[in-house]
Amino acid sequence: MDSASVIGNIARVIPSFAYDRIRWRNGLGWTREVAQGRLESASPVAEARPSDAWDWRLSIAEIDAEAPFSRFDGIEREQMLLSGEGLRLHGDGIEQELRPPHQRWRFRGEDALVGSPLDGRVEVANLMWRRERVDTTSWHRPLVGPMVIFIEPGSTWLVHLIAGQGMFADASGLGRIEAGDTAVLPAGATRLRHVLEGGGEAWLMRLQPR
């Protein structure tokens, strides 16, 4: 199973070297696909294309020069600046900047936006989810000592470690997570508990069925 496969109810840590580097949908840039998945208890997909058979998707865009973003109908997006001096998003009457260290912003996949690096190459984490099926909440948090994550039935959490290192100190067997890695933590029919210990900072994303 490659990094971007649709993930079921199996928790895993995806190392950064396993991300698949692919072209943007519009062919005008590159991204590293981290993972994508479905929330089986969410409402049905309305006319989803086979290539879009996911409820959520996480990737890391590499932006070297100004380029228009790909269009994703029916999708909500949130982007976080991971590295670089900043990114300006503009178009459709929208003007927004992502500034260091890790500013983030939500927008619609239908918005005709252009991304313009402010001073050289940037990397931006890009979370997308299908708005009629998924509710999403995210947090940028320091990792200092143990962090306990409770996952409700039918939900999935993503933990992208921005900096530092950690260890899952629970019965999951997930083991270590390094800077740049991502943990995918789904729950099936029962509530789950994970304990992440270490030092650094993380982007935590909770994906719940609507």
C-alpha atoms as a PDB file:
ATOM      1  CA  MET A   1       0.000   0.000   0.000  1.00  0.00           C
ATOM      2  CA  ASP A   2       1.548   3.304  -1.016  1.00  0.00           C
ATOM      3  CA  SER A   3       1.346   6.488   1.010  1.00  0.00           C
ATOM      4  CA  ALA A   4      -1.686   7.858  -0.843  1.00  0.00           C
ATOM      5  CA  SER A   5      -3.831   4.735  -0.707  1.00  0.00           C
ATOM      6  CA  VAL A   6      -7.300   5.021   0.790  1.00  0.00           C
ATOM      7  CA  ILE A   7      -6.786   3.944   4.391  1.00  0.00           C
ATOM      8  CA  GLY A   8      -9.292   1.838   6.324  1.00  0.00           C
ATOM      9  CA  ASN A   9      -9.442   1.390  10.084  1.00  0.00           C
ATOM     10  CA  ILE A  10      -5.733   0.632  10.529  1.00  0.00           C
ATOM     11  CA  ALA A  11      -3.568   3.152  12.397  1.00  0.00           C
ATOM     12  CA  ARG A  12      -0.168   3.800  10.877  1.00  0.00           C
ATOM     13  CA  VAL A  13       2.734   6.241  10.861  1.00  0.00           C
ATOM     14  CA  ILE A  14       3.687   7.267   7.321  1.00  0.00           C
ATOM     15  CA  PRO A  15       7.352   8.338   7.094  1.00  0.00           C
ATOM     16  CA  SER A  16       8.060  11.444   5.049  1.00  0.00           C
ATOM     17  CA  PHE A  17      10.264   9.513   2.595  1.00  0.00           C
ATOM     18  CA  ALA A  18       7.240   7.384   1.605  1.00  0.00           C
ATOM     19  CA  TYR A  19       5.106  10.273   0.343  1.00  0.00           C
ATOM     20  CA  ASP A  20       4.330  10.039  -3.381  1.00  0.00           C
ATOM     21  CA  ARG A  21       5.463  13.061  -5.425  1.00  0.00           C
ATOM     22  CA  ILE A  22       2.902  13.789  -8.142  1.00  0.00           C
ATOM     23  CA  ARG A  23       1.719  16.633 -10.354  1.00  0.00           C
ATOM     24  CA  TRP A  24      -1.079  18.939  -9.306  1.00  0.00           C
ATOM     25  CA  ARG A  25      -4.426  18.178 -10.905  1.00  0.00           C
ATOM     26  CA  ASN A  26      -3.919  21.172 -13.258  1.00  0.00           C
ATOM     27  CA  GLY A  27      -0.344  20.095 -14.056  1.00  0.00           C
ATOM     28  CA  LEU A  28       1.149  23.418 -12.921  1.00  0.00           C
ATOM     29  CA  GLY A  29       2.953  22.289  -9.773  1.00  0.00           C
ATOM     30  CA  TRP A  30       4.079  19.382  -7.617  1.00  0.00           C
ATOM     31  CA  THR A  31       2.743  17.902  -4.417  1.00  0.00           C
ATOM     32  CA  ARG A  32       3.675  15.026  -2.125  1.00  0.00           C
ATOM     33  CA  GLU A  33       0.607  12.972  -1.295  1.00  0.00           C
ATOM     34  CA  VAL A  34       0.631  11.870   2.330  1.00  0.00           C
ATOM     35  CA  ALA A  35      -2.629   9.908   2.575  1.00  0.00           C
ATOM     36  CA  GLN A  36      -6.299   9.884   1.690  1.00  0.00           C
ATOM     37  CA  GLY A  37      -9.226   8.021   3.178  1.00  0.00           C
ATOM     38  CA  ARG A  38     -12.944   7.577   3.687  1.00  0.00           C
ATOM     39  CA  LEU A  39     -15.222   7.912   6.691  1.00  0.00           C
ATOM     40  CA  GLU A  40     -17.552   4.972   6.193  1.00  0.00           C
ATOM     41  CA  SER A  41     -20.304   6.298   8.485  1.00  0.00           C
ATOM     42  CA  ALA A  42     -20.564   9.625   6.631  1.00  0.00           C
ATOM     43  CA  SER A  43     -23.402  10.505   4.265  1.00  0.00           C
ATOM     44  CA  PRO A  44     -23.188   9.149   0.676  1.00  0.00           C
ATOM     45  CA  VAL A  45     -21.040  10.789  -1.979  1.00  0.00           C
ATOM     46  CA  ALA A  46     -23.033  12.500  -4.728  1.00  0.00           C
ATOM     47  CA  GLU A  47     -21.579  11.570  -8.130  1.00  0.00           C
ATOM     48  CA  ALA A  48     -17.941  11.359  -7.024  1.00  0.00           C
ATOM     49  CA  ARG A  49     -15.491  10.558  -9.799  1.00  0.00           C
ATOM     50  CA  PRO A  50     -13.436   7.336  -9.321  1.00  0.00           C
ATOM     51  CA  SER A  51     -10.280   9.437  -8.990  1.00  0.00           C
ATOM     52  CA  ASP A  52     -11.936  11.388  -6.160  1.00  0.00           C
ATOM     53  CA  ALA A  53     -13.152   8.392  -4.137  1.00  0.00           C
ATOM     54  CA  TRP A  54     -11.927   9.905  -0.888  1.00  0.00           C
ATOM     55  CA  ASP A  55     -13.526  11.909   1.911  1.00  0.00           C
ATOM     56  CA  TRP A  56     -10.256  13.503   3.008  1.00  0.00           C
ATOM     57  CA  ARG A  57      -6.796  13.942   1.577  1.00  0.00           C
ATOM     58  CA  LEU A  58      -3.553  15.339   3.006  1.00  0.00           C
ATOM     59  CA  SER A  59      -0.642  16.472   0.840  1.00  0.00           C
ATOM     60  CA  ILE A  60       2.340  18.836   0.895  1.00  0.00           C
ATOM     61  CA  ALA A  61       2.601  21.273  -2.010  1.00  0.00           C
ATOM     62  CA  GLU A  62       5.964  22.485  -3.296  1.00  0.00           C
ATOM     63  CA  ILE A  63       5.619  26.017  -4.689  1.00  0.00           C
ATOM     64  CA  ASP A  64       8.619  27.608  -6.400  1.00  0.00           C
ATOM     65  CA  ALA A  65       6.836  30.253  -8.463  1.00  0.00           C
ATOM     66  CA  GLU A  66       3.427  31.851  -8.884  1.00  0.00           C
ATOM     67  CA  ALA A  67       0.816  29.352 -10.084  1.00  0.00           C
ATOM     68  CA  PRO A  68      -2.981  28.957 -10.041  1.00  0.00           C
ATOM     69  CA  PHE A  69      -4.345  26.294  -7.724  1.00  0.00           C
ATOM     70  CA  SER A  70      -6.305  23.317  -9.012  1.00  0.00           C
ATOM     71  CA  ARG A  71     -10.091  23.455  -8.731  1.00  0.00           C
ATOM     72  CA  PHE A  72     -11.861  20.940  -6.464  1.00  0.00           C
ATOM     73  CA  ASP A  73     -15.654  21.179  -6.562  1.00  0.00           C
ATOM     74  CA  GLY A  74     -17.455  20.210  -3.356  1.00  0.00           C
ATOM     75  CA  ILE A  75     -14.221  20.305  -1.352  1.00  0.00           C
ATOM     76  CA  GLU A  76     -13.124  22.436   1.616  1.00  0.00           C
ATOM     77  CA  ARG A  77      -9.411  23.126   2.008  1.00  0.00           C
ATOM     78  CA  GLU A  78      -7.066  24.240   4.774  1.00  0.00           C
ATOM     79  CA  GLN A  79      -3.437  25.122   4.141  1.00  0.00           C
ATOM     80  CA  MET A  80      -0.585  25.578   6.603  1.00  0.00           C
ATOM     81  CA  LEU A  81       2.800  27.077   5.782  1.00  0.00           C
ATOM     82  CA  LEU A  82       5.482  24.528   6.675  1.00  0.00           C
ATOM     83  CA  SER A  83       8.621  26.232   5.362  1.00  0.00           C
ATOM     84  CA  GLY A  84       9.689  29.337   3.482  1.00  0.00           C
ATOM     85  CA  GLU A  85       9.123  33.063   3.850  1.00  0.00           C
ATOM     86  CA  GLY A  86       5.414  33.063   3.136  1.00  0.00           C
ATOM     87  CA  LEU A  87       2.750  32.573   0.482  1.00  0.00           C
ATOM     88  CA  ARG A  88       0.191  35.036  -0.897  1.00  0.00           C
ATOM     89  CA  LEU A  89      -3.155  33.601  -1.994  1.00  0.00           C
ATOM     90  CA  HIS A  90      -5.174  35.866  -4.262  1.00  0.00           C
ATOM     91  CA  GLY A  91      -8.084  35.781  -6.725  1.00  0.00           C
ATOM     92  CA  ASP A  92     -11.904  35.790  -6.705  1.00  0.00           C
ATOM     93  CA  GLY A  93     -11.780  38.921  -4.545  1.00  0.00           C
ATOM     94  CA  ILE A  94      -9.655  37.094  -1.953  1.00  0.00           C
ATOM     95  CA  GLU A  95      -6.327  38.311  -0.600  1.00  0.00           C
ATOM     96  CA  GLN A  96      -4.651  36.245   2.120  1.00  0.00           C
ATOM     97  CA  GLU A  97      -1.074  35.625   3.223  1.00  0.00           C
ATOM     98  CA  LEU A  98       0.404  32.632   5.031  1.00  0.00           C
ATOM     99  CA  ARG A  99       3.277  33.948   7.123  1.00  0.00           C
ATOM    100  CA  PRO A 100       6.025  32.147   9.092  1.00  0.00           C
ATOM    101  CA  PRO A 101       6.221  30.221  11.160  1.00  0.00           C
ATOM    102  CA  HIS A 102       3.036  28.243  10.422  1.00  0.00           C
ATOM    103  CA  GLN A 103       0.061  30.415   9.577  1.00  0.00           C
ATOM    104  CA  ARG A 104      -2.947  28.549   8.144  1.00  0.00           C
ATOM    105  CA  TRP A 105      -6.155  29.414   6.341  1.00  0.00           C
ATOM    106  CA  ARG A 106      -9.341  27.726   5.096  1.00  0.00           C
ATOM    107  CA  PHE A 107     -10.981  28.247   1.720  1.00  0.00           C
ATOM    108  CA  ARG A 108     -13.287  26.548  -0.779  1.00  0.00           C
ATOM    109  CA  GLY A 109     -12.002  24.237  -3.466  1.00  0.00           C
ATOM    110  CA  GLU A 110     -14.060  26.187  -6.012  1.00  0.00           C
ATOM    111  CA  ASP A 111     -12.201  29.460  -5.298  1.00  0.00           C
ATOM    112  CA  ALA A 112     -10.024  30.453  -8.279  1.00  0.00           C
ATOM    113  CA  LEU A 113      -6.873  31.248  -6.315  1.00  0.00           C
ATOM    114  CA  VAL A 114      -3.281  31.872  -7.333  1.00  0.00           C
ATOM    115  CA  GLY A 115      -0.399  31.077  -4.975  1.00  0.00           C
ATOM    116  CA  SER A 116       2.556  33.484  -5.044  1.00  0.00           C
ATOM    117  CA  PRO A 117       5.640  32.782  -2.884  1.00  0.00           C
ATOM    118  CA  LEU A 118       6.726  35.944  -1.073  1.00  0.00           C
ATOM    119  CA  ASP A 119      10.465  35.254  -1.194  1.00  0.00           C
ATOM    120  CA  GLY A 120      11.548  31.942  -2.691  1.00  0.00           C
ATOM    121  CA  ARG A 121      10.333  28.366  -2.443  1.00  0.00           C
ATOM    122  CA  VAL A 122       7.692  27.378   0.102  1.00  0.00           C
ATOM    123  CA  GLU A 123       6.140  24.127   1.278  1.00  0.00           C
ATOM    124  CA  VAL A 124       2.496  24.131   2.306  1.00  0.00           C
ATOM    125  CA  ALA A 125       0.516  21.337   3.954  1.00  0.00           C
ATOM    126  CA  ASN A 126      -2.851  20.980   2.250  1.00  0.00           C
ATOM    127  CA  LEU A 127      -5.803  19.254   3.926  1.00  0.00           C
ATOM    128  CA  MET A 128      -8.921  18.690   1.812  1.00  0.00           C
ATOM    129  CA  TRP A 129     -12.260  17.185   2.772  1.00  0.00           C
ATOM    130  CA  ARG A 130     -15.643  16.623   1.140  1.00  0.00           C
ATOM    131  CA  ARG A 131     -17.948  19.202   2.656  1.00  0.00           C
ATOM    132  CA  GLU A 132     -21.188  17.193   2.456  1.00  0.00           C
ATOM    133  CA  ARG A 133     -19.630  14.214   4.257  1.00  0.00           C
ATOM    134  CA  VAL A 134     -17.004  15.500   6.688  1.00  0.00           C
ATOM    135  CA  ASP A 135     -16.580  18.068   9.477  1.00  0.00           C
ATOM    136  CA  THR A 136     -12.990  19.048  10.253  1.00  0.00           C
ATOM    137  CA  THR A 137     -11.303  20.770  13.192  1.00  0.00           C
ATOM    138  CA  SER A 138      -7.554  21.351  13.419  1.00  0.00           C
ATOM    139  CA  TRP A 139      -5.054  22.613  15.973  1.00  0.00           C
ATOM    140  CA  HIS A 140      -1.401  23.670  15.849  1.00  0.00           C
ATOM    141  CA  ARG A 141       0.029  22.484  19.168  1.00  0.00           C
ATOM    142  CA  PRO A 142       3.390  22.149  20.908  1.00  0.00           C
ATOM    143  CA  LEU A 143       4.369  18.614  21.845  1.00  0.00           C
ATOM    144  CA  VAL A 144       5.734  18.746  25.376  1.00  0.00           C
ATOM    145  CA  GLY A 145       5.618  15.449  27.223  1.00  0.00           C
ATOM    146  CA  PRO A 146       2.551  13.212  26.774  1.00  0.00           C
ATOM    147  CA  MET A 147      -0.386  14.186  24.557  1.00  0.00           C
ATOM    148  CA  VAL A 148      -3.556  12.092  24.842  1.00  0.00           C
ATOM    149  CA  ILE A 149      -5.799  11.812  21.764  1.00  0.00           C
ATOM    150  CA  PHE A 150      -9.302  10.341  22.055  1.00  0.00           C
ATOM    151  CA  ILE A 151     -10.828   9.224  18.751  1.00  0.00           C
ATOM    152  CA  GLU A 152     -14.592   8.875  18.611  1.00  0.00           C
ATOM    153  CA  PRO A 153     -16.218   6.019  16.647  1.00  0.00           C
ATOM    154  CA  GLY A 154     -16.219   6.643  12.908  1.00  0.00           C
ATOM    155  CA  SER A 155     -13.698   9.488  13.137  1.00  0.00           C
ATOM    156  CA  THR A 156     -10.083   9.803  12.015  1.00  0.00           C
ATOM    157  CA  TRP A 157      -7.276  11.968  13.395  1.00  0.00           C
ATOM    158  CA  LEU A 158      -4.174  12.995  11.460  1.00  0.00           C
ATOM    159  CA  VAL A 159      -1.029  14.085  13.301  1.00  0.00           C
ATOM    160  CA  HIS A 160       1.618  15.758  11.147  1.00  0.00           C
ATOM    161  CA  LEU A 161       4.798  16.297  13.159  1.00  0.00           C
ATOM    162  CA  ILE A 162       6.142  19.672  12.045  1.00  0.00           C
ATOM    163  CA  ALA A 163       9.270  19.544  14.206  1.00  0.00           C
ATOM    164  CA  GLY A 164      10.881  17.334  16.838  1.00  0.00           C
ATOM    165  CA  GLN A 165      10.265  13.657  17.473  1.00  0.00           C
ATOM    166  CA  GLY A 166       7.904  11.484  19.435  1.00  0.00           C
ATOM    167  CA  MET A 167       6.809   8.007  20.407  1.00  0.00           C
ATOM    168  CA  PHE A 168       3.346   6.479  20.671  1.00  0.00           C
ATOM    169  CA  ALA A 169       3.375   5.220  24.253  1.00  0.00           C
ATOM    170  CA  ASP A 170       0.280   3.046  23.998  1.00  0.00           C
ATOM    171  CA  ALA A 171      -0.728  -0.436  22.858  1.00  0.00           C
ATOM    172  CA  SER A 172      -1.033   0.553  19.186  1.00  0.00           C
ATOM    173  CA  GLY A 173       2.487  -0.557  18.260  1.00  0.00           C
ATOM    174  CA  LEU A 174       2.956   2.576  16.134  1.00  0.00           C
ATOM    175  CA  GLY A 175       6.315   3.392  17.702  1.00  0.00           C
ATOM    176  CA  ARG A 176       8.338   6.449  16.714  1.00  0.00           C
ATOM    177  CA  ILE A 177       7.335   9.480  14.689  1.00  0.00           C
ATOM    178  CA  GLU A 178       9.911  11.913  13.305  1.00  0.00           C
ATOM    179  CA  ALA A 179       9.699  15.465  11.986  1.00  0.00           C
ATOM    180  CA  GLY A 180       7.864  15.424   8.657  1.00  0.00           C
ATOM    181  CA  ASP A 181       6.078  12.121   9.348  1.00  0.00           C
ATOM    182  CA  THR A 182       2.304  11.788   9.658  1.00  0.00           C
ATOM    183  CA  ALA A 183       0.251   9.480  11.863  1.00  0.00           C
ATOM    184  CA  VAL A 184      -3.172   8.381  10.588  1.00  0.00           C
ATOM    185  CA  LEU A 185      -5.360   7.354  13.530  1.00  0.00           C
ATOM    186  CA  PRO A 186      -8.806   6.006  12.545  1.00  0.00           C
ATOM    187  CA  ALA A 187     -11.453   4.570  14.831  1.00  0.00           C
ATOM    188  CA  GLY A 188     -13.948   1.942  13.813  1.00  0.00           C
ATOM    189  CA  ALA A 189     -17.009   1.177  15.924  1.00  0.00           C
ATOM    190  CA  THR A 190     -15.293   1.804  19.260  1.00  0.00           C
ATOM    191  CA  ARG A 191     -13.638   4.814  20.868  1.00  0.00           C
ATOM    192  CA  LEU A 192      -9.828   4.700  20.816  1.00  0.00           C
ATOM    193  CA  ARG A 193      -7.135   6.348  22.913  1.00  0.00           C
ATOM    194  CA  HIS A 194      -3.608   7.162  21.759  1.00  0.00           C
ATOM    195  CA  VAL A 195      -0.765   8.645  23.795  1.00  0.00           C
ATOM    196  CA  LEU A 196       1.986  10.544  21.975  1.00  0.00           C
ATOM    197  CA  GLU A 197       5.073  11.481  23.991  1.00  0.00           C
ATOM    198  CA  GLY A 198       7.969  13.645  22.857  1.00  0.00           C
ATOM    199  CA  GLY A 199       9.032  17.174  22.059  1.00  0.00           C
ATOM    200  CA  GLY A 200       8.332  19.436  19.110  1.00  0.00           C
ATOM    201  CA  GLU A 201       5.192  20.756  17.441  1.00  0.00           C
ATOM    202  CA  ALA A 202       2.368  19.155  15.511  1.00  0.00           C
ATOM    203  CA  TRP A 203      -0.628  19.891  13.318  1.00  0.00           C
ATOM    204  CA  LEU A 204      -3.568  17.866  14.631  1.00  0.00           C
ATOM    205  CA  MET A 205      -6.581  17.299  12.372  1.00  0.00           C
ATOM    206  CA  ARG A 206      -9.860  15.721  13.476  1.00  0.00           C
ATOM    207  CA  LEU A 207     -12.120  14.393  10.701  1.00  0.00           C
ATOM    208  CA  GLN A 208     -15.672  13.502  11.718  1.00  0.00           C
ATOM    209  CA  PRO A 209     -18.620  12.201   9.673  1.00  0.00           C
ATOM    210  CA  ARG A 210     -21.480  14.628   9.119  1.00  0.00           C
END
